[in-house]
């Protein structure tokens, strides 16, 4: 379901394909290209590279699709160019590209602090079902932050891990996304997506993802999430699947 970044060829270039490629048609300087240029400059390289992005995740949707694409480009070119840079060095290069990019370089569950540079291990996650839904409305992160007021919530006290989806939903249900209210004010369809998720059979918890407009629902089983996603309006971007339990 996710985006795919590929590298190849001897001539520099960038191409975008896939079901969500149209949203990037007018974007002259994609984050993948910026990541590639940043790595080449930092490494003192002028090696040309052809990059291709297969875009499946909606743009400006609050699930870090662009950030993950940039991080994938950094990891890929680090290998293709034989740099051998450690994760910490790539993460330091990633931060100016966007607050979410260092976490995507890590590519594992983590808690983020500061502006995205302070990463620590997330609690151990159980296997659970997940539904993602977006009303097909782009919502720019800077606009959401400008629309909010007041202090952010204090960092959550979380357990070392959760045994099952019900325990995860119970603890996360006591928390909130501080960006949800301003996002709904700017994009009322977000409230409709949250309501639709909460009405799905088996949904244990529904929240907005990041700065929106994508929202997610937690389910006990992968099959339940897959079935539930098909009940949402087909005009929305929607996905049902699940996460594997963390090792250990």
C-alpha atoms as a PDB file:
ATOM      1  CA  UNK A   1       0.000   0.000   0.000  1.00  0.00           C
ATOM      2  CA  UNK A   2       2.876   2.396   0.662  1.00  0.00           C
ATOM      3  CA  UNK A   3       4.891   4.507  -1.750  1.00  0.00           C
ATOM      4  CA  UNK A   4       7.951   3.001  -3.431  1.00  0.00           C
ATOM      5  CA  UNK A   5      11.164   4.867  -4.340  1.00  0.00           C
ATOM      6  CA  UNK A   6      13.546   3.341  -6.897  1.00  0.00           C
ATOM      7  CA  UNK A   7      16.942   4.432  -8.219  1.00  0.00           C
ATOM      8  CA  UNK A   8      18.654   3.457 -11.452  1.00  0.00           C
ATOM      9  CA  UNK A   9      20.138   4.653 -14.699  1.00  0.00           C
ATOM     10  CA  UNK A  10      23.104   6.884 -15.427  1.00  0.00           C
ATOM     11  CA  UNK A  11      21.283  10.110 -16.205  1.00  0.00           C
ATOM     12  CA  UNK A  12      19.721  12.381 -13.630  1.00  0.00           C
ATOM     13  CA  UNK A  13      15.947  12.493 -13.642  1.00  0.00           C
ATOM     14  CA  UNK A  14      12.801  12.066 -11.622  1.00  0.00           C
ATOM     15  CA  UNK A  15       9.507  10.438 -12.533  1.00  0.00           C
ATOM     16  CA  UNK A  16       6.274   9.908 -10.629  1.00  0.00           C
ATOM     17  CA  UNK A  17       3.667   7.239 -11.329  1.00  0.00           C
ATOM     18  CA  UNK A  18       0.956   5.479  -9.352  1.00  0.00           C
ATOM     19  CA  UNK A  19      -2.646   6.239  -8.342  1.00  0.00           C
ATOM     20  CA  UNK A  20      -1.747   9.384  -6.366  1.00  0.00           C
ATOM     21  CA  UNK A  21       0.812  10.773  -8.823  1.00  0.00           C
ATOM     22  CA  UNK A  22      -1.557  13.414 -10.175  1.00  0.00           C
ATOM     23  CA  UNK A  23      -1.368  15.446  -6.977  1.00  0.00           C
ATOM     24  CA  UNK A  24       2.363  15.941  -7.553  1.00  0.00           C
ATOM     25  CA  UNK A  25       2.112  16.937 -11.211  1.00  0.00           C
ATOM     26  CA  UNK A  26       2.486  20.656 -10.503  1.00  0.00           C
ATOM     27  CA  UNK A  27       5.167  20.220  -7.853  1.00  0.00           C
ATOM     28  CA  UNK A  28       8.474  21.335  -9.321  1.00  0.00           C
ATOM     29  CA  UNK A  29      10.755  20.358  -6.442  1.00  0.00           C
ATOM     30  CA  UNK A  30       9.675  17.099  -4.852  1.00  0.00           C
ATOM     31  CA  UNK A  31      10.969  16.190  -1.406  1.00  0.00           C
ATOM     32  CA  UNK A  32      12.623  13.074  -2.859  1.00  0.00           C
ATOM     33  CA  UNK A  33      14.765  15.254  -5.125  1.00  0.00           C
ATOM     34  CA  UNK A  34      15.626  17.598  -2.274  1.00  0.00           C
ATOM     35  CA  UNK A  35      16.759  14.637  -0.184  1.00  0.00           C
ATOM     36  CA  UNK A  36      18.917  13.301  -3.018  1.00  0.00           C
ATOM     37  CA  UNK A  37      20.553  16.681  -3.585  1.00  0.00           C
ATOM     38  CA  UNK A  38      21.173  17.166   0.140  1.00  0.00           C
ATOM     39  CA  UNK A  39      22.895  13.788   0.446  1.00  0.00           C
ATOM     40  CA  UNK A  40      24.988  14.296  -2.686  1.00  0.00           C
ATOM     41  CA  UNK A  41      26.127  17.729  -1.512  1.00  0.00           C
ATOM     42  CA  UNK A  42      26.948  16.525   2.002  1.00  0.00           C
ATOM     43  CA  UNK A  43      28.921  13.587   0.584  1.00  0.00           C
ATOM     44  CA  UNK A  44      30.726  15.717  -2.001  1.00  0.00           C
ATOM     45  CA  UNK A  45      29.312  13.708  -4.893  1.00  0.00           C
ATOM     46  CA  UNK A  46      28.160  14.728  -8.342  1.00  0.00           C
ATOM     47  CA  UNK A  47      26.980  11.274  -9.376  1.00  0.00           C
ATOM     48  CA  UNK A  48      23.804  11.495 -11.473  1.00  0.00           C
ATOM     49  CA  UNK A  49      20.891   9.332 -10.450  1.00  0.00           C
ATOM     50  CA  UNK A  50      17.480   8.595 -11.893  1.00  0.00           C
ATOM     51  CA  UNK A  51      14.804   8.366  -9.223  1.00  0.00           C
ATOM     52  CA  UNK A  52      11.280   7.027  -9.663  1.00  0.00           C
ATOM     53  CA  UNK A  53       8.438   7.404  -7.173  1.00  0.00           C
ATOM     54  CA  UNK A  54       5.434   5.080  -7.240  1.00  0.00           C
ATOM     55  CA  UNK A  55       2.901   7.178  -5.318  1.00  0.00           C
ATOM     56  CA  UNK A  56       0.091   5.409  -3.458  1.00  0.00           C
ATOM     57  CA  UNK A  57      -0.414   7.619  -0.371  1.00  0.00           C
ATOM     58  CA  UNK A  58      -2.425  10.853  -0.632  1.00  0.00           C
ATOM     59  CA  UNK A  59      -0.517  14.137  -0.573  1.00  0.00           C
ATOM     60  CA  UNK A  60      -0.736  16.551   2.402  1.00  0.00           C
ATOM     61  CA  UNK A  61      -2.711  14.006   4.394  1.00  0.00           C
ATOM     62  CA  UNK A  62      -0.987  13.851   7.784  1.00  0.00           C
ATOM     63  CA  UNK A  63       0.510  10.360   7.515  1.00  0.00           C
ATOM     64  CA  UNK A  64       4.049  11.339   6.565  1.00  0.00           C
ATOM     65  CA  UNK A  65       3.998  10.033   3.000  1.00  0.00           C
ATOM     66  CA  UNK A  66       6.327  12.689   1.606  1.00  0.00           C
ATOM     67  CA  UNK A  67       8.608  12.443   4.623  1.00  0.00           C
ATOM     68  CA  UNK A  68       8.813   8.663   4.236  1.00  0.00           C
ATOM     69  CA  UNK A  69       9.624   9.075   0.537  1.00  0.00           C
ATOM     70  CA  UNK A  70      12.477  11.470   1.359  1.00  0.00           C
ATOM     71  CA  UNK A  71      13.809   9.103   4.029  1.00  0.00           C
ATOM     72  CA  UNK A  72      13.581   6.173   1.619  1.00  0.00           C
ATOM     73  CA  UNK A  73      15.629   8.148  -0.910  1.00  0.00           C
ATOM     74  CA  UNK A  74      18.296   8.855   1.710  1.00  0.00           C
ATOM     75  CA  UNK A  75      18.538   5.212   2.760  1.00  0.00           C
ATOM     76  CA  UNK A  76      18.493   3.997  -0.839  1.00  0.00           C
ATOM     77  CA  UNK A  77      21.170   6.376  -2.117  1.00  0.00           C
ATOM     78  CA  UNK A  78      23.307   5.783   0.955  1.00  0.00           C
ATOM     79  CA  UNK A  79      23.416   2.158  -0.196  1.00  0.00           C
ATOM     80  CA  UNK A  80      23.610   2.782  -3.971  1.00  0.00           C
ATOM     81  CA  UNK A  81      26.470   5.255  -3.583  1.00  0.00           C
ATOM     82  CA  UNK A  82      28.262   3.019  -1.098  1.00  0.00           C
ATOM     83  CA  UNK A  83      28.491   5.729   1.545  1.00  0.00           C
ATOM     84  CA  UNK A  84      27.864   3.523   4.548  1.00  0.00           C
ATOM     85  CA  UNK A  85      26.623   6.433   6.643  1.00  0.00           C
ATOM     86  CA  UNK A  86      25.091   5.415   9.999  1.00  0.00           C
ATOM     87  CA  UNK A  87      21.477   6.184  10.799  1.00  0.00           C
ATOM     88  CA  UNK A  88      22.364   9.107  13.086  1.00  0.00           C
ATOM     89  CA  UNK A  89      24.234  10.887  10.305  1.00  0.00           C
ATOM     90  CA  UNK A  90      21.380  10.416   7.862  1.00  0.00           C
ATOM     91  CA  UNK A  91      18.902  11.629  10.497  1.00  0.00           C
ATOM     92  CA  UNK A  92      20.873  14.847  11.053  1.00  0.00           C
ATOM     93  CA  UNK A  93      20.814  15.480   7.311  1.00  0.00           C
ATOM     94  CA  UNK A  94      17.094  14.638   7.205  1.00  0.00           C
ATOM     95  CA  UNK A  95      15.865  17.145   9.791  1.00  0.00           C
ATOM     96  CA  UNK A  96      16.095  20.276   7.568  1.00  0.00           C
ATOM     97  CA  UNK A  97      13.940  18.434   5.022  1.00  0.00           C
ATOM     98  CA  UNK A  98      11.054  18.128   7.484  1.00  0.00           C
ATOM     99  CA  UNK A  99      10.296  17.373  11.121  1.00  0.00           C
ATOM    100  CA  UNK A 100       9.011  13.861  10.329  1.00  0.00           C
ATOM    101  CA  UNK A 101      11.914  12.770   8.123  1.00  0.00           C
ATOM    102  CA  UNK A 102      14.329  11.623  10.890  1.00  0.00           C
ATOM    103  CA  UNK A 103      11.668   9.275  12.295  1.00  0.00           C
ATOM    104  CA  UNK A 104      11.112   7.913   8.799  1.00  0.00           C
ATOM    105  CA  UNK A 105      14.856   7.379   8.383  1.00  0.00           C
ATOM    106  CA  UNK A 106      14.696   5.238  11.532  1.00  0.00           C
ATOM    107  CA  UNK A 107      11.752   3.366   9.983  1.00  0.00           C
ATOM    108  CA  UNK A 108      10.589   1.803  13.250  1.00  0.00           C
ATOM    109  CA  UNK A 109       8.033   2.785  15.935  1.00  0.00           C
ATOM    110  CA  UNK A 110       9.391   5.688  17.969  1.00  0.00           C
ATOM    111  CA  UNK A 111       8.354   8.684  20.037  1.00  0.00           C
ATOM    112  CA  UNK A 112       9.279  12.098  18.700  1.00  0.00           C
ATOM    113  CA  UNK A 113      10.308  15.141  20.727  1.00  0.00           C
ATOM    114  CA  UNK A 114      11.615  18.621  20.048  1.00  0.00           C
ATOM    115  CA  UNK A 115      10.846  19.432  16.428  1.00  0.00           C
ATOM    116  CA  UNK A 116      11.335  15.817  15.389  1.00  0.00           C
ATOM    117  CA  UNK A 117      15.010  15.339  16.141  1.00  0.00           C
ATOM    118  CA  UNK A 118      14.620  13.759  19.607  1.00  0.00           C
ATOM    119  CA  UNK A 119      13.671  10.132  19.006  1.00  0.00           C
ATOM    120  CA  UNK A 120      13.143   7.474  21.658  1.00  0.00           C
ATOM    121  CA  UNK A 121      11.712   3.942  21.489  1.00  0.00           C
ATOM    122  CA  UNK A 122       7.942   3.624  21.358  1.00  0.00           C
ATOM    123  CA  UNK A 123       6.147   1.214  23.697  1.00  0.00           C
ATOM    124  CA  UNK A 124       6.065  -2.361  22.441  1.00  0.00           C
ATOM    125  CA  UNK A 125       3.157  -2.628  20.024  1.00  0.00           C
ATOM    126  CA  UNK A 126       0.817  -5.617  19.778  1.00  0.00           C
ATOM    127  CA  UNK A 127      -0.574  -6.953  16.532  1.00  0.00           C
ATOM    128  CA  UNK A 128      -3.765  -5.077  15.651  1.00  0.00           C
ATOM    129  CA  UNK A 129      -5.986  -4.030  12.781  1.00  0.00           C
ATOM    130  CA  UNK A 130      -5.887  -0.518  11.367  1.00  0.00           C
ATOM    131  CA  UNK A 131      -8.086   1.523   9.051  1.00  0.00           C
ATOM    132  CA  UNK A 132      -6.902   4.758   7.413  1.00  0.00           C
ATOM    133  CA  UNK A 133      -9.352   7.139   5.761  1.00  0.00           C
ATOM    134  CA  UNK A 134      -8.952  10.497   4.057  1.00  0.00           C
ATOM    135  CA  UNK A 135     -11.836  12.599   2.671  1.00  0.00           C
ATOM    136  CA  UNK A 136      -9.740  13.608  -0.364  1.00  0.00           C
ATOM    137  CA  UNK A 137      -9.105  17.075   1.019  1.00  0.00           C
ATOM    138  CA  UNK A 138      -5.503  18.294   1.293  1.00  0.00           C
ATOM    139  CA  UNK A 139      -4.745  19.993   4.609  1.00  0.00           C
ATOM    140  CA  UNK A 140      -1.484  21.910   4.891  1.00  0.00           C
ATOM    141  CA  UNK A 141       0.367  21.376   8.173  1.00  0.00           C
ATOM    142  CA  UNK A 142       1.515  25.022   8.567  1.00  0.00           C
ATOM    143  CA  UNK A 143      -2.088  26.221   8.306  1.00  0.00           C
ATOM    144  CA  UNK A 144      -3.201  23.854  11.060  1.00  0.00           C
ATOM    145  CA  UNK A 145      -0.428  25.002  13.401  1.00  0.00           C
ATOM    146  CA  UNK A 146      -1.289  28.658  12.720  1.00  0.00           C
ATOM    147  CA  UNK A 147      -4.941  27.985  13.526  1.00  0.00           C
ATOM    148  CA  UNK A 148      -4.308  26.443  16.946  1.00  0.00           C
ATOM    149  CA  UNK A 149      -3.990  28.319  20.235  1.00  0.00           C
ATOM    150  CA  UNK A 150      -3.026  27.478  23.804  1.00  0.00           C
ATOM    151  CA  UNK A 151      -0.417  25.113  25.138  1.00  0.00           C
ATOM    152  CA  UNK A 152       0.266  21.624  23.894  1.00  0.00           C
ATOM    153  CA  UNK A 153      -0.561  18.672  26.115  1.00  0.00           C
ATOM    154  CA  UNK A 154       2.213  17.368  28.348  1.00  0.00           C
ATOM    155  CA  UNK A 155       4.120  14.330  27.037  1.00  0.00           C
ATOM    156  CA  UNK A 156       2.067  11.215  27.683  1.00  0.00           C
ATOM    157  CA  UNK A 157       3.107   8.676  30.307  1.00  0.00           C
ATOM    158  CA  UNK A 158       2.912   5.342  28.497  1.00  0.00           C
ATOM    159  CA  UNK A 159       3.600   1.776  29.601  1.00  0.00           C
ATOM    160  CA  UNK A 160       6.537  -0.264  28.260  1.00  0.00           C
ATOM    161  CA  UNK A 161       4.127  -1.993  25.921  1.00  0.00           C
ATOM    162  CA  UNK A 162       0.613  -3.319  25.344  1.00  0.00           C
ATOM    163  CA  UNK A 163      -0.510  -6.923  25.316  1.00  0.00           C
ATOM    164  CA  UNK A 164      -3.372  -6.413  22.875  1.00  0.00           C
ATOM    165  CA  UNK A 165      -5.284  -3.849  20.830  1.00  0.00           C
ATOM    166  CA  UNK A 166      -7.864  -3.265  23.561  1.00  0.00           C
ATOM    167  CA  UNK A 167      -5.182  -2.175  26.041  1.00  0.00           C
ATOM    168  CA  UNK A 168      -3.562   0.069  23.441  1.00  0.00           C
ATOM    169  CA  UNK A 169      -6.907   1.700  22.581  1.00  0.00           C
ATOM    170  CA  UNK A 170      -7.763   2.174  26.262  1.00  0.00           C
ATOM    171  CA  UNK A 171      -4.547   4.053  27.039  1.00  0.00           C
ATOM    172  CA  UNK A 172      -4.487   6.102  23.838  1.00  0.00           C
ATOM    173  CA  UNK A 173      -8.179   6.881  24.300  1.00  0.00           C
ATOM    174  CA  UNK A 174      -7.283   8.932  27.375  1.00  0.00           C
ATOM    175  CA  UNK A 175      -5.082  11.181  25.215  1.00  0.00           C
ATOM    176  CA  UNK A 176      -5.875  13.643  22.471  1.00  0.00           C
ATOM    177  CA  UNK A 177      -4.429  15.099  19.296  1.00  0.00           C
ATOM    178  CA  UNK A 178      -3.978  18.825  20.009  1.00  0.00           C
ATOM    179  CA  UNK A 179      -4.198  19.583  16.291  1.00  0.00           C
ATOM    180  CA  UNK A 180      -7.603  17.972  15.811  1.00  0.00           C
ATOM    181  CA  UNK A 181      -9.739  21.002  16.766  1.00  0.00           C
ATOM    182  CA  UNK A 182      -7.963  23.475  14.456  1.00  0.00           C
ATOM    183  CA  UNK A 183      -7.894  20.889  11.678  1.00  0.00           C
ATOM    184  CA  UNK A 184     -11.654  20.351  11.948  1.00  0.00           C
ATOM    185  CA  UNK A 185     -12.192  24.124  11.935  1.00  0.00           C
ATOM    186  CA  UNK A 186     -10.213  24.405   8.690  1.00  0.00           C
ATOM    187  CA  UNK A 187     -11.515  21.174   7.180  1.00  0.00           C
ATOM    188  CA  UNK A 188     -14.938  20.118   8.557  1.00  0.00           C
ATOM    189  CA  UNK A 189     -14.923  16.817   6.613  1.00  0.00           C
ATOM    190  CA  UNK A 190     -12.371  15.549   9.167  1.00  0.00           C
ATOM    191  CA  UNK A 191     -15.157  15.390  11.741  1.00  0.00           C
ATOM    192  CA  UNK A 192     -17.222  13.308   9.338  1.00  0.00           C
ATOM    193  CA  UNK A 193     -14.370  10.861   8.823  1.00  0.00           C
ATOM    194  CA  UNK A 194     -13.895  10.468  12.580  1.00  0.00           C
ATOM    195  CA  UNK A 195     -17.612   9.862  13.023  1.00  0.00           C
ATOM    196  CA  UNK A 196     -17.654   7.281  10.247  1.00  0.00           C
ATOM    197  CA  UNK A 197     -14.698   5.427  11.747  1.00  0.00           C
ATOM    198  CA  UNK A 198     -16.239   5.358  15.225  1.00  0.00           C
ATOM    199  CA  UNK A 199     -19.430   3.897  13.745  1.00  0.00           C
ATOM    200  CA  UNK A 200     -17.625   0.978  12.097  1.00  0.00           C
ATOM    201  CA  UNK A 201     -18.205  -2.408  13.737  1.00  0.00           C
ATOM    202  CA  UNK A 202     -15.267  -3.348  15.922  1.00  0.00           C
ATOM    203  CA  UNK A 203     -13.599   0.064  16.016  1.00  0.00           C
ATOM    204  CA  UNK A 204     -11.849   0.430  19.390  1.00  0.00           C
ATOM    205  CA  UNK A 205     -10.489   3.950  18.891  1.00  0.00           C
ATOM    206  CA  UNK A 206     -10.593   6.644  16.208  1.00  0.00           C
ATOM    207  CA  UNK A 207      -8.265   9.625  16.022  1.00  0.00           C
ATOM    208  CA  UNK A 208      -6.903  12.091  13.482  1.00  0.00           C
ATOM    209  CA  UNK A 209      -3.402  11.315  12.239  1.00  0.00           C
ATOM    210  CA  UNK A 210      -0.845  14.090  12.629  1.00  0.00           C
ATOM    211  CA  UNK A 211      -2.202  17.376  11.307  1.00  0.00           C
ATOM    212  CA  UNK A 212      -4.883  15.638   9.205  1.00  0.00           C
ATOM    213  CA  UNK A 213      -6.895  15.170   7.186  1.00  0.00           C
ATOM    214  CA  UNK A 214      -6.321  11.405   7.374  1.00  0.00           C
ATOM    215  CA  UNK A 215      -7.840   9.648  10.382  1.00  0.00           C
ATOM    216  CA  UNK A 216      -7.286   6.148  11.714  1.00  0.00           C
ATOM    217  CA  UNK A 217      -9.285   3.488  13.494  1.00  0.00           C
ATOM    218  CA  UNK A 218      -7.853   0.722  15.693  1.00  0.00           C
ATOM    219  CA  UNK A 219      -9.323  -2.784  15.504  1.00  0.00           C
ATOM    220  CA  UNK A 220      -8.574  -6.004  17.354  1.00  0.00           C
ATOM    221  CA  UNK A 221      -8.017  -8.050  14.207  1.00  0.00           C
ATOM    222  CA  UNK A 222      -6.599  -7.378  10.740  1.00  0.00           C
ATOM    223  CA  UNK A 223      -9.558  -9.061   9.024  1.00  0.00           C
ATOM    224  CA  UNK A 224     -12.001  -6.800  10.891  1.00  0.00           C
ATOM    225  CA  UNK A 225     -10.114  -3.735   9.714  1.00  0.00           C
ATOM    226  CA  UNK A 226     -10.048  -4.941   6.118  1.00  0.00           C
ATOM    227  CA  UNK A 227     -13.812  -5.546   6.179  1.00  0.00           C
ATOM    228  CA  UNK A 228     -14.509  -2.225   7.889  1.00  0.00           C
ATOM    229  CA  UNK A 229     -12.518  -0.193   5.348  1.00  0.00           C
ATOM    230  CA  UNK A 230     -14.790  -1.453   2.589  1.00  0.00           C
ATOM    231  CA  UNK A 231     -17.798   0.069   4.396  1.00  0.00           C
ATOM    232  CA  UNK A 232     -16.437   3.610   4.089  1.00  0.00           C
ATOM    233  CA  UNK A 233     -17.439   5.901   1.180  1.00  0.00           C
ATOM    234  CA  UNK A 234     -15.634   4.803  -2.003  1.00  0.00           C
ATOM    235  CA  UNK A 235     -14.961   8.448  -2.874  1.00  0.00           C
ATOM    236  CA  UNK A 236     -12.573   8.612   0.089  1.00  0.00           C
ATOM    237  CA  UNK A 237      -9.032   7.299   0.101  1.00  0.00           C
ATOM    238  CA  UNK A 238      -9.244   4.308   2.434  1.00  0.00           C
ATOM    239  CA  UNK A 239      -7.098   1.388   3.501  1.00  0.00           C
ATOM    240  CA  UNK A 240      -7.620  -1.501   5.871  1.00  0.00           C
ATOM    241  CA  UNK A 241      -4.893  -3.787   7.134  1.00  0.00           C
ATOM    242  CA  UNK A 242      -2.830  -4.148  10.243  1.00  0.00           C
ATOM    243  CA  UNK A 243       0.469  -4.022  12.075  1.00  0.00           C
ATOM    244  CA  UNK A 244       2.577  -6.941  13.209  1.00  0.00           C
ATOM    245  CA  UNK A 245       3.498  -7.262  16.844  1.00  0.00           C
ATOM    246  CA  UNK A 246       6.870  -5.804  17.782  1.00  0.00           C
ATOM    247  CA  UNK A 247       9.520  -8.445  18.460  1.00  0.00           C
ATOM    248  CA  UNK A 248      10.322  -9.220  22.072  1.00  0.00           C
END
